[in-house]
N, C-alpha and C. Protein backbone atom coordinates (compact mmCIF):
# COMPACT_ATOMS: atom_id res chain seq x y z
N LEU A 1 127.49 92.08 89.67
CA LEU A 1 127.84 92.98 89.88
C LEU A 1 129.45 92.38 90.28
N ALA A 2 130.39 93.54 90.36
CA ALA A 2 131.96 93.07 90.76
C ALA A 2 132.18 93.09 92.52
N GLU A 3 131.41 93.65 93.61
CA GLU A 3 131.33 92.88 94.69
C GLU A 3 130.54 93.66 95.20
N CYS A 4 130.08 92.78 96.65
CA CYS A 4 129.24 93.61 97.38
C CYS A 4 129.40 94.74 98.35
N GLY A 5 128.65 95.40 98.92
CA GLY A 5 128.98 96.42 99.67
C GLY A 5 127.65 97.08 100.12
N PRO A 6 128.04 98.26 101.04
CA PRO A 6 126.60 98.67 101.62
C PRO A 6 125.96 99.48 100.28
N CYS A 7 124.49 99.75 100.92
CA CYS A 7 123.97 100.93 100.11
C CYS A 7 124.36 102.31 99.95
N PRO A 8 124.80 102.70 98.97
CA PRO A 8 124.80 103.96 98.99
C PRO A 8 124.03 105.05 99.18
N ARG A 9 124.54 106.57 100.04
CA ARG A 9 123.66 107.38 100.18
C ARG A 9 122.76 107.73 99.22
N GLY A 10 121.50 108.46 99.84
CA GLY A 10 120.28 108.21 99.12
C GLY A 10 119.41 107.02 98.57
N THR A 11 119.87 105.67 99.68
CA THR A 11 119.29 104.35 99.66
C THR A 11 119.28 103.80 100.69
N PHE A 12 118.56 102.80 100.65
CA PHE A 12 118.54 102.15 102.17
C PHE A 12 118.23 100.65 101.81
N ALA A 13 118.62 99.44 102.61
CA ALA A 13 118.13 98.34 102.65
C ALA A 13 117.82 97.81 103.64
N GLY A 14 116.57 97.96 104.33
CA GLY A 14 115.68 97.07 105.66
C GLY A 14 115.14 96.04 105.48
N GLY A 15 115.36 95.45 106.91
CA GLY A 15 114.44 94.43 107.30
C GLY A 15 115.20 93.15 106.40
N GLY A 16 116.53 93.02 106.14
CA GLY A 16 116.77 91.67 105.56
C GLY A 16 116.86 91.79 103.64
N ALA A 17 116.47 93.22 103.67
CA ALA A 17 116.38 93.21 101.74
C ALA A 17 117.81 92.84 101.11
N THR A 18 117.74 92.30 100.05
CA THR A 18 119.34 92.35 99.58
C THR A 18 119.76 93.05 98.35
N ALA A 19 118.43 93.88 98.37
CA ALA A 19 118.47 94.97 97.14
C ALA A 19 118.70 96.23 97.96
N CYS A 20 119.30 97.70 97.33
CA CYS A 20 119.08 98.69 98.13
C CYS A 20 117.69 99.15 97.35
N ALA A 21 117.12 100.69 97.98
CA ALA A 21 116.30 101.20 97.72
C ALA A 21 116.47 102.71 97.56
N LEU A 22 115.77 103.05 96.46
CA LEU A 22 115.55 104.70 97.06
C LEU A 22 115.07 105.56 97.86
N CYS A 23 115.62 106.40 98.29
CA CYS A 23 114.98 107.07 99.77
C CYS A 23 113.69 107.67 98.90
N LEU A 24 112.39 107.69 99.53
CA LEU A 24 111.17 108.27 98.65
C LEU A 24 111.32 109.60 98.87
N ALA A 25 110.49 110.98 97.97
CA ALA A 25 110.56 112.00 98.18
C ALA A 25 110.38 112.21 99.56
N GLY A 26 110.42 113.08 100.02
CA GLY A 26 110.33 113.90 101.61
C GLY A 26 111.27 112.98 102.50
N SER A 27 112.41 112.25 102.49
CA SER A 27 112.99 111.56 103.27
C SER A 27 114.72 111.31 102.32
N PHE A 28 115.56 111.13 103.29
CA PHE A 28 116.82 111.13 102.73
C PHE A 28 117.54 110.38 103.40
N SER A 29 118.96 109.49 103.23
CA SER A 29 119.54 108.61 103.62
C SER A 29 121.33 109.12 103.60
N GLU A 30 121.94 109.97 104.78
CA GLU A 30 123.55 110.78 104.59
C GLU A 30 124.30 109.91 104.35
N VAL A 31 124.21 108.47 105.14
CA VAL A 31 125.38 107.67 105.31
C VAL A 31 125.12 106.56 104.71
N GLU A 32 126.19 105.66 104.21
CA GLU A 32 126.32 104.57 103.47
C GLU A 32 125.74 103.35 104.14
N GLY A 33 124.84 102.24 103.75
CA GLY A 33 124.40 101.82 104.77
C GLY A 33 123.38 101.68 105.46
N ALA A 34 122.23 102.58 104.99
CA ALA A 34 121.59 102.86 105.84
C ALA A 34 120.38 101.41 106.11
N SER A 35 119.86 101.54 107.02
CA SER A 35 118.66 100.60 107.18
C SER A 35 117.19 101.29 107.01
N ALA A 36 117.33 102.65 106.98
CA ALA A 36 116.18 102.90 106.79
C ALA A 36 116.44 104.30 106.59
N CYS A 37 115.44 105.20 105.86
CA CYS A 37 115.54 106.75 105.55
C CYS A 37 115.44 107.87 106.12
N LEU A 38 115.64 108.60 106.56
CA LEU A 38 115.01 109.97 107.67
C LEU A 38 114.13 110.51 106.62
N HIS A 39 113.29 111.16 107.82
CA HIS A 39 111.88 112.39 107.11
C HIS A 39 112.34 113.31 107.08
N CYS A 40 112.36 114.49 105.60
CA CYS A 40 112.55 115.84 106.37
C CYS A 40 111.39 116.22 107.82
N PRO A 41 111.99 117.53 107.88
CA PRO A 41 111.42 118.03 108.83
C PRO A 41 109.88 118.99 108.42
N GLU A 42 109.05 118.32 108.99
CA GLU A 42 107.69 119.61 108.42
C GLU A 42 107.99 120.60 108.39
N PRO A 43 107.84 121.98 107.89
CA PRO A 43 106.73 121.37 106.52
C PRO A 43 107.46 121.54 104.95
N THR A 44 108.41 120.44 105.16
CA THR A 44 109.89 120.73 104.06
C THR A 44 109.46 119.39 103.26
N THR A 45 110.20 118.93 102.07
CA THR A 45 110.29 117.55 101.57
C THR A 45 111.47 118.23 100.94
N THR A 46 111.27 116.60 100.02
CA THR A 46 112.49 116.84 99.40
C THR A 46 111.87 116.91 97.46
N PRO A 47 112.17 117.04 96.48
CA PRO A 47 111.62 117.19 94.71
C PRO A 47 111.45 116.18 94.23
N LEU A 48 112.72 114.81 94.38
CA LEU A 48 112.85 113.68 93.96
C LEU A 48 113.28 112.50 95.03
N PRO A 49 112.96 111.17 94.65
CA PRO A 49 113.39 110.41 95.67
C PRO A 49 115.30 110.28 95.91
N GLY A 50 115.91 110.09 96.40
CA GLY A 50 117.25 109.62 96.47
C GLY A 50 118.00 110.82 97.43
N ALA A 51 117.23 111.42 97.96
CA ALA A 51 118.32 112.69 98.34
C ALA A 51 119.18 112.16 99.38
N VAL A 52 120.57 112.70 99.39
CA VAL A 52 121.19 112.06 100.05
C VAL A 52 121.64 112.98 101.69
N SER A 53 120.96 114.33 101.72
CA SER A 53 121.24 115.03 102.51
C SER A 53 119.78 115.91 102.97
N ALA A 54 119.44 116.20 104.18
CA ALA A 54 118.55 116.90 105.43
C ALA A 54 118.79 118.78 104.44
N ASP A 55 119.66 118.52 104.38
CA ASP A 55 120.03 120.25 102.87
C ASP A 55 119.26 120.42 101.92
N GLN A 56 118.42 119.15 101.30
CA GLN A 56 117.82 118.92 100.15
C GLN A 56 116.54 119.02 100.83
N CYS A 57 116.05 119.15 101.95
CA CYS A 57 114.78 119.15 102.34
C CYS A 57 114.47 120.94 102.02
N ALA A 58 113.57 121.05 101.55
CA ALA A 58 112.84 122.32 100.92
C ALA A 58 111.22 122.71 101.48
N PRO A 59 111.39 123.87 101.60
CA PRO A 59 109.75 124.12 102.33
C PRO A 59 108.58 124.22 100.36
N ALA A 60 107.93 123.07 101.60
CA ALA A 60 106.71 122.58 100.38
C ALA A 60 105.59 123.50 100.11
N CYS A 61 105.09 123.25 99.44
CA CYS A 61 103.57 124.10 98.98
C CYS A 61 103.06 123.66 100.61
N GLY A 62 101.78 124.33 100.90
CA GLY A 62 100.90 124.26 102.10
C GLY A 62 99.46 123.91 101.43
N PRO A 63 98.72 122.92 102.01
CA PRO A 63 97.24 123.40 101.14
C PRO A 63 96.58 124.18 100.48
N GLY A 64 95.96 124.01 99.77
CA GLY A 64 95.59 125.10 99.02
C GLY A 64 96.27 125.81 97.84
N THR A 65 97.66 125.40 97.77
CA THR A 65 98.61 126.23 96.83
C THR A 65 99.35 124.79 95.98
N ALA A 66 99.88 125.03 94.95
CA ALA A 66 100.63 123.84 94.22
C ALA A 66 101.85 124.45 93.57
N SER A 67 102.65 124.13 92.93
CA SER A 67 103.74 124.47 92.06
C SER A 67 104.45 123.12 91.32
N VAL A 68 104.83 122.86 90.25
CA VAL A 68 105.46 122.07 89.35
C VAL A 68 106.36 121.02 90.18
N SER A 69 106.90 121.48 91.53
CA SER A 69 107.72 120.57 91.72
C SER A 69 106.90 119.96 93.19
N GLY A 70 106.14 120.96 93.76
CA GLY A 70 105.54 120.79 95.30
C GLY A 70 106.37 121.52 96.12
N LEU A 71 107.25 122.43 95.74
CA LEU A 71 107.95 123.34 96.89
C LEU A 71 107.39 124.77 96.04
N GLU A 72 108.15 125.59 97.27
CA GLU A 72 108.21 126.94 96.78
C GLU A 72 109.26 127.17 95.76
N PRO A 73 108.71 128.34 95.30
CA PRO A 73 107.61 129.29 95.36
C PRO A 73 105.94 128.36 94.98
N CYS A 74 104.90 128.92 95.22
CA CYS A 74 103.99 128.22 95.15
C CYS A 74 102.80 129.15 94.80
N GLN A 75 101.68 128.77 93.82
CA GLN A 75 100.40 129.32 93.34
C GLN A 75 99.09 128.82 94.47
N PRO A 76 98.37 130.09 94.71
CA PRO A 76 97.21 129.35 95.23
C PRO A 76 96.06 128.64 94.10
N CYS A 77 95.78 127.80 94.34
CA CYS A 77 94.64 127.20 93.33
C CYS A 77 93.51 128.21 93.22
N SER A 78 93.02 127.75 92.15
CA SER A 78 92.06 129.25 91.46
C SER A 78 90.98 128.44 91.70
N GLU A 79 89.84 129.69 92.05
CA GLU A 79 88.15 129.28 92.19
C GLU A 79 87.91 127.63 91.67
N GLY A 80 87.07 127.33 91.79
CA GLY A 80 86.98 126.23 91.87
C GLY A 80 87.75 125.03 91.68
N SER A 81 88.83 125.04 92.43
CA SER A 81 89.74 123.71 92.55
C SER A 81 90.41 124.01 94.04
N PHE A 82 91.14 122.95 94.40
CA PHE A 82 91.96 122.96 95.68
C PHE A 82 92.89 122.32 96.06
N ALA A 83 93.66 121.83 96.54
CA ALA A 83 95.16 120.70 97.09
C ALA A 83 94.49 120.76 98.79
N ALA A 84 94.36 119.26 98.43
CA ALA A 84 94.13 118.93 100.21
C ALA A 84 95.19 119.10 101.07
N SER A 85 96.55 118.25 100.55
CA SER A 85 97.70 117.69 100.91
C SER A 85 98.92 118.77 100.63
N ALA A 86 99.39 118.79 101.61
CA ALA A 86 101.12 119.59 101.08
C ALA A 86 101.71 119.53 100.43
N ALA A 87 102.71 120.03 99.42
CA ALA A 87 103.64 119.77 98.66
C ALA A 87 102.67 119.59 97.45
N ALA A 88 101.73 119.87 96.87
CA ALA A 88 100.81 119.34 95.68
C ALA A 88 101.30 119.78 94.32
N THR A 89 101.63 118.97 93.46
CA THR A 89 101.94 119.57 92.36
C THR A 89 100.64 120.31 91.41
N VAL A 90 99.72 119.70 91.51
CA VAL A 90 98.98 119.85 90.73
C VAL A 90 97.56 120.28 91.66
N CYS A 91 96.67 121.47 91.22
CA CYS A 91 95.16 121.54 92.06
C CYS A 91 94.08 120.74 91.30
N GLU A 92 93.50 120.32 91.64
CA GLU A 92 92.46 119.41 91.71
C GLU A 92 90.90 120.12 91.34
N LEU A 93 90.22 119.86 90.61
CA LEU A 93 88.85 120.41 90.00
C LEU A 93 87.85 120.14 91.14
N CYS A 94 87.07 120.63 91.76
CA CYS A 94 86.10 120.48 92.73
C CYS A 94 85.14 119.30 91.87
N GLN A 95 84.91 118.41 92.75
CA GLN A 95 83.74 117.72 91.98
C GLN A 95 82.17 118.18 91.82
N ALA A 96 81.55 117.64 90.95
CA ALA A 96 79.74 118.36 90.84
C ALA A 96 79.42 118.04 92.21
N GLY A 97 78.65 119.26 92.88
CA GLY A 97 77.72 119.13 94.08
C GLY A 97 78.40 119.75 94.86
N SER A 98 79.95 120.84 94.51
CA SER A 98 80.24 121.39 95.54
C SER A 98 81.23 122.68 94.79
N ALA A 99 81.64 123.19 95.87
CA ALA A 99 82.18 124.40 95.14
C ALA A 99 83.44 124.88 95.75
N ALA A 100 84.51 125.54 95.24
CA ALA A 100 85.56 126.45 96.07
C ALA A 100 85.79 127.80 95.69
N PRO A 101 84.68 128.55 96.33
CA PRO A 101 84.18 130.19 95.76
C PRO A 101 85.47 131.04 96.26
N LEU A 102 86.83 130.77 97.14
CA LEU A 102 87.93 131.65 96.99
C LEU A 102 88.92 131.30 96.20
N PRO A 103 90.22 131.35 95.90
CA PRO A 103 91.52 130.92 95.45
C PRO A 103 91.97 130.40 96.65
N GLY A 104 93.44 129.29 96.95
CA GLY A 104 93.42 128.67 97.54
C GLY A 104 93.17 127.76 98.72
N ALA A 105 91.91 126.94 98.01
CA ALA A 105 91.40 126.54 98.73
C ALA A 105 91.75 125.22 99.01
N PRO A 106 92.11 124.55 100.64
CA PRO A 106 92.37 123.23 100.88
C PRO A 106 91.39 122.31 100.39
N VAL A 107 90.18 122.69 100.35
CA VAL A 107 88.73 121.48 100.22
C VAL A 107 87.87 122.63 99.17
N CYS A 108 87.02 121.68 98.32
CA CYS A 108 85.81 121.94 97.85
C CYS A 108 84.94 121.90 99.28
N GLU A 109 83.61 122.86 99.06
CA GLU A 109 82.72 122.53 100.07
C GLU A 109 81.12 122.17 99.24
N ALA A 110 80.91 120.97 99.91
CA ALA A 110 79.35 120.66 99.24
C ALA A 110 78.06 121.93 99.28
N CYS A 111 77.14 122.20 98.25
CA CYS A 111 76.81 122.74 97.70
C CYS A 111 75.52 122.26 99.04
N LEU A 112 75.18 123.64 99.67
CA LEU A 112 73.58 123.45 100.28
C LEU A 112 72.77 123.12 99.89
N PRO A 113 71.60 122.18 100.73
CA PRO A 113 70.43 122.10 100.48
C PRO A 113 69.72 123.16 99.35
N GLY A 114 69.10 123.28 98.28
CA GLY A 114 68.51 124.47 98.14
C GLY A 114 69.55 124.53 96.61
N SER A 115 70.44 124.13 96.59
CA SER A 115 71.58 124.62 95.64
C SER A 115 71.92 123.30 94.95
N PHE A 116 72.66 123.92 93.79
CA PHE A 116 73.61 122.82 93.17
C PHE A 116 74.82 123.25 92.29
N ALA A 117 75.91 122.30 92.28
CA ALA A 117 76.80 122.42 91.00
C ALA A 117 76.91 121.40 89.83
N GLY A 118 76.45 122.06 89.00
CA GLY A 118 76.55 120.56 88.03
C GLY A 118 77.82 120.14 87.63
N GLY A 119 78.52 120.98 86.84
CA GLY A 119 79.82 120.27 86.84
C GLY A 119 80.76 120.07 87.48
N ARG A 120 82.35 119.46 86.93
CA ARG A 120 83.45 119.84 87.84
C ARG A 120 83.82 121.26 87.75
N GLY A 121 84.43 121.56 88.86
CA GLY A 121 85.49 123.10 88.92
C GLY A 121 84.46 123.74 88.97
N ALA A 122 83.56 124.07 89.78
CA ALA A 122 82.40 125.01 90.33
C ALA A 122 83.45 126.06 90.94
N ALA A 123 82.99 127.41 90.73
CA ALA A 123 83.23 128.39 91.85
C ALA A 123 82.27 128.56 92.40
N GLU A 124 81.61 128.60 92.20
CA GLU A 124 80.35 128.61 93.28
C GLU A 124 78.89 127.79 92.86
N CYS A 125 78.12 127.41 94.22
CA CYS A 125 77.07 126.60 94.33
C CYS A 125 75.81 128.05 93.52
N VAL A 126 74.90 127.22 92.85
CA VAL A 126 73.81 127.76 92.20
C VAL A 126 72.44 127.41 92.73
N PRO A 127 71.54 128.40 93.13
CA PRO A 127 70.37 128.26 94.03
C PRO A 127 69.31 127.71 92.70
N CYS A 128 68.82 126.61 93.19
CA CYS A 128 67.54 126.07 92.55
C CYS A 128 66.47 127.18 91.65
N ALA A 129 66.19 126.37 90.56
CA ALA A 129 65.47 128.22 89.92
C ALA A 129 63.71 127.37 90.63
N GLU A 130 63.25 128.46 90.66
CA GLU A 130 61.77 128.46 90.75
C GLU A 130 60.87 126.78 90.42
N ALA A 131 60.23 126.21 91.22
CA ALA A 131 59.82 125.02 90.42
C ALA A 131 60.45 123.47 90.45
N THR A 132 61.74 123.87 91.59
CA THR A 132 62.62 123.11 91.39
C THR A 132 63.34 122.65 92.78
N TYR A 133 63.92 122.08 93.19
CA TYR A 133 65.00 121.95 94.58
C TYR A 133 65.80 120.78 94.64
N ALA A 134 66.39 120.79 96.13
CA ALA A 134 67.51 120.39 96.30
C ALA A 134 67.40 119.53 97.17
N ALA A 135 66.96 118.74 97.76
CA ALA A 135 66.57 118.31 99.62
C ALA A 135 67.83 118.04 100.04
N HIS A 136 69.03 117.56 99.60
CA HIS A 136 70.06 117.30 100.22
C HIS A 136 71.32 117.98 99.97
N GLY A 137 72.52 118.17 100.75
CA GLY A 137 73.43 119.10 100.43
C GLY A 137 74.39 117.99 99.11
N GLY A 138 75.20 118.74 98.44
CA GLY A 138 76.08 118.03 97.48
C GLY A 138 75.36 117.89 95.92
N ALA A 139 73.99 118.57 95.86
CA ALA A 139 73.39 118.08 94.56
C ALA A 139 74.27 118.85 93.24
N SER A 140 74.07 118.16 92.37
CA SER A 140 74.91 117.94 91.29
C SER A 140 73.73 118.54 90.19
N GLN A 141 72.51 118.68 90.79
CA GLN A 141 71.43 118.56 89.66
C GLN A 141 70.42 119.27 90.61
N CYS A 142 69.42 120.41 90.23
CA CYS A 142 67.99 120.25 91.53
C CYS A 142 67.03 119.40 90.49
N THR A 143 66.29 118.84 91.16
CA THR A 143 65.01 117.67 90.83
C THR A 143 63.19 118.82 90.33
N VAL A 144 62.64 118.64 89.36
CA VAL A 144 61.63 119.43 88.79
C VAL A 144 60.51 118.75 90.34
N CYS A 145 59.83 119.67 90.57
CA CYS A 145 58.75 119.54 91.75
C CYS A 145 57.85 119.25 90.79
N GLY A 146 56.84 118.08 91.50
CA GLY A 146 55.87 117.52 90.72
C GLY A 146 54.75 118.04 90.71
N PRO A 147 53.56 117.79 90.09
CA PRO A 147 52.03 118.86 89.55
C PRO A 147 51.35 119.24 90.70
N ASP A 148 52.14 118.03 91.91
CA ASP A 148 51.12 118.50 93.49
C ASP A 148 51.88 119.02 94.67
N ASP A 149 52.94 119.79 94.00
CA ASP A 149 54.46 120.33 94.84
C ASP A 149 53.71 121.84 94.29
N ARG A 150 54.72 122.93 95.44
CA ARG A 150 55.05 123.69 94.80
C ARG A 150 56.17 124.77 94.97
């Protein structure tokens, strides 16, 4: 460096740090020499780190929705997928043993006893076939009844 100076806007140096760090996405610093970044007001965030103004905070996608940037406009997650947190950039597939029957799910629901979801991304749990069972919720497969069971 040619000379030392305060950290520029969009960065901070706190706790005796000797180098400036970018404000994380969802925060900003409007002044030079900041010792911390300020958080965007809920439910807003910034699309990238290093924001220099609260004006860069924009409405975030809510749970059950996502967009490429995590900001509005958002699309609901499709059946069989979910987005648990705000500002999601992708919807995750439900795990085996759970399902999301409606679009826009913030969580996947565990299959009830007597039903199962065999793979990831299930939109619904399927009842166990005759002579099979799932004794507990969240089953990914049904168990065949023994020869002495009905």
